[in-house]
Protein backbone atom coordinates (compact mmCIF):
# COMPACT_ATOMS: atom_id res chain seq x y z
CA MET A 1 0.05 0.14 -0.13
CA ALA A 2 1.04 3.31 -1.01
CA GLU A 3 0.53 6.71 0.67
CA ILE A 4 -0.53 9.60 -1.03
CA LEU A 5 0.26 13.14 0.39
CA VAL A 6 -2.67 15.55 0.28
CA GLY A 7 -1.57 18.28 2.19
CA LYS A 8 -1.64 20.09 5.60
CA GLN A 9 -5.03 19.69 7.74
CA SER A 10 -4.80 23.36 8.64
CA ASP A 11 -5.33 23.90 5.14
CA PHE A 12 -8.46 22.16 4.94
CA HIS A 13 -11.75 24.07 6.02
CA ASN A 14 -14.52 22.80 7.41
CA GLY A 15 -16.82 21.52 4.76
CA GLU A 16 -14.00 21.40 2.31
CA ARG A 17 -12.84 18.85 -0.19
CA LYS A 18 -9.98 18.27 -2.16
CA ILE A 19 -9.74 16.09 -5.39
CA ILE A 20 -6.36 14.09 -6.11
CA SER A 21 -5.11 12.05 -9.07
CA ASP A 22 -2.02 9.95 -8.55
CA GLY A 23 -2.76 8.45 -12.23
CA GLU A 24 -4.18 5.13 -10.78
CA TRP A 25 -6.88 6.86 -8.66
CA GLU A 26 -9.03 10.15 -8.79
CA ILE A 27 -9.63 10.07 -4.98
CA GLY A 28 -12.41 13.17 -3.16
CA VAL A 29 -10.87 14.27 0.26
CA PHE A 30 -13.20 15.72 2.38
CA ASN A 31 -12.83 17.52 5.68
CA VAL A 32 -16.23 17.11 8.25
CA GLU A 33 -15.71 18.42 11.22
CA GLY A 34 -12.68 17.85 11.56
CA GLU A 35 -12.80 14.20 10.18
CA PHE A 36 -11.25 13.08 7.02
CA PHE A 37 -12.82 11.06 4.33
CA ALA A 38 -11.67 9.64 1.08
CA TYR A 39 -13.26 8.24 -1.92
CA GLU A 40 -12.46 7.24 -4.99
CA ASN A 41 -14.20 10.28 -7.46
CA LEU A 42 -16.32 7.58 -9.51
CA CYS A 43 -20.05 6.93 -8.43
CA PRO A 44 -21.56 3.27 -8.53
CA HIS A 45 -24.60 4.52 -10.23
CA GLU A 46 -23.19 5.36 -13.81
CA GLY A 47 -19.57 6.45 -13.20
CA GLY A 48 -20.18 9.64 -12.77
CA PRO A 49 -17.61 12.38 -11.01
CA ALA A 50 -19.43 12.00 -7.56
CA CYS A 51 -16.94 13.55 -5.38
CA ARG A 52 -17.19 16.82 -7.68
CA GLY A 53 -21.16 16.96 -6.80
CA VAL A 54 -22.77 19.72 -3.96
CA ILE A 55 -22.42 19.23 -0.59
CA ILE A 56 -25.62 19.04 1.33
CA PRO A 57 -27.43 18.42 4.58
CA LYS A 58 -29.51 15.12 4.09
CA VAL A 59 -33.22 16.07 3.54
CA GLU A 60 -35.64 14.31 5.80
CA GLU A 61 -39.24 14.13 5.68
CA ILE A 62 -41.40 15.29 9.05
CA ILE A 63 -44.05 12.13 9.71
CA ALA A 64 -46.45 13.41 12.12
CA GLU A 65 -48.09 11.19 14.82
CA ASP A 66 -50.86 9.84 12.01
CA ARG A 67 -48.36 9.12 9.40
CA THR A 68 -48.90 11.83 7.27
CA SER A 69 -46.51 14.52 5.80
CA ARG A 70 -45.54 17.40 7.25
CA GLY A 71 -43.11 18.68 4.78
CA ARG A 72 -39.33 18.21 4.56
CA ARG A 73 -36.18 20.08 6.64
CA PHE A 74 -32.37 19.41 6.43
CA SER A 75 -30.70 17.48 8.80
CA GLU A 76 -28.55 19.18 11.57
CA ASP A 77 -26.32 16.06 11.91
CA GLN A 78 -26.61 13.79 8.55
CA ILE A 79 -24.67 15.68 5.24
CA HIS A 80 -24.62 13.97 1.60
CA LEU A 81 -22.75 14.27 -1.23
CA ALA A 82 -24.19 14.63 -4.07
CA CYS A 83 -23.25 13.21 -7.91
CA PRO A 84 -23.52 15.76 -10.32
CA TRP A 85 -24.45 13.68 -12.86
CA HIS A 86 -27.51 11.99 -11.74
CA GLY A 87 -28.25 13.30 -8.22
CA PHE A 88 -27.68 9.91 -6.50
CA GLU A 89 -26.76 10.79 -2.78
CA TYR A 90 -24.20 9.11 -0.31
CA ASP A 91 -23.53 9.55 3.00
CA ILE A 92 -20.68 11.37 3.51
CA ARG A 93 -18.89 9.81 6.49
CA THR A 94 -19.68 6.33 5.21
CA GLY A 95 -20.16 6.98 1.16
CA ILE A 96 -23.32 4.49 1.55
CA ASN A 97 -26.36 5.80 -0.31
CA PRO A 98 -29.35 5.80 1.94
CA ILE A 99 -32.03 4.69 -0.46
CA GLN A 100 -29.68 1.95 -2.08
CA PRO A 101 -27.04 0.72 1.09
CA LYS A 102 -25.57 -1.41 -1.54
CA LEU A 103 -24.62 1.48 -3.62
CA ARG A 104 -21.64 2.92 -1.75
CA LEU A 105 -18.61 4.86 -2.95
CA LYS A 106 -15.05 3.39 -2.67
CA LYS A 107 -13.54 4.32 1.04
CA PHE A 108 -9.90 4.64 1.20
CA GLU A 109 -8.33 5.38 4.60
CA VAL A 110 -6.87 9.20 5.82
CA ILE A 111 -4.45 9.08 7.35
CA ILE A 112 -3.05 12.34 10.06
CA ARG A 113 0.64 12.59 10.58
CA ASP A 114 2.53 15.58 11.77
CA GLY A 115 -0.34 17.91 10.71
CA GLU A 116 -0.09 16.02 7.17
CA VAL A 117 -2.96 14.56 5.50
CA LEU A 118 -2.69 11.51 3.91
CA VAL A 119 -4.50 8.69 1.77
CA VAL A 120 -4.07 5.38 2.01
CA VAL A 121 -4.41 3.35 -1.72
């Protein structure tokens, strides 16, 4: 296994991403509230550049006690990444599609060493 240097941890602001390439892999690296996640930039739906998509809070349905919909709201704790080709969403912390859990982004290990962010490929 090899390690790819992404950059300094201090250069990543919350909610920021960097797309890196080592010739074999194109990988999106994300900072979500100080946690780092890395995924192959390839949507399992149709091969789109998933890591270049919009980062948005999960949309949640508000269900009343009588099981009727009361509208929608944005989640306060779940963040999704939406592929720009067809809008397929993935939980940014797990890489899993919430509707079809078998659809998931290929995840890479992220290491923080001496203030630097590295991805293991």
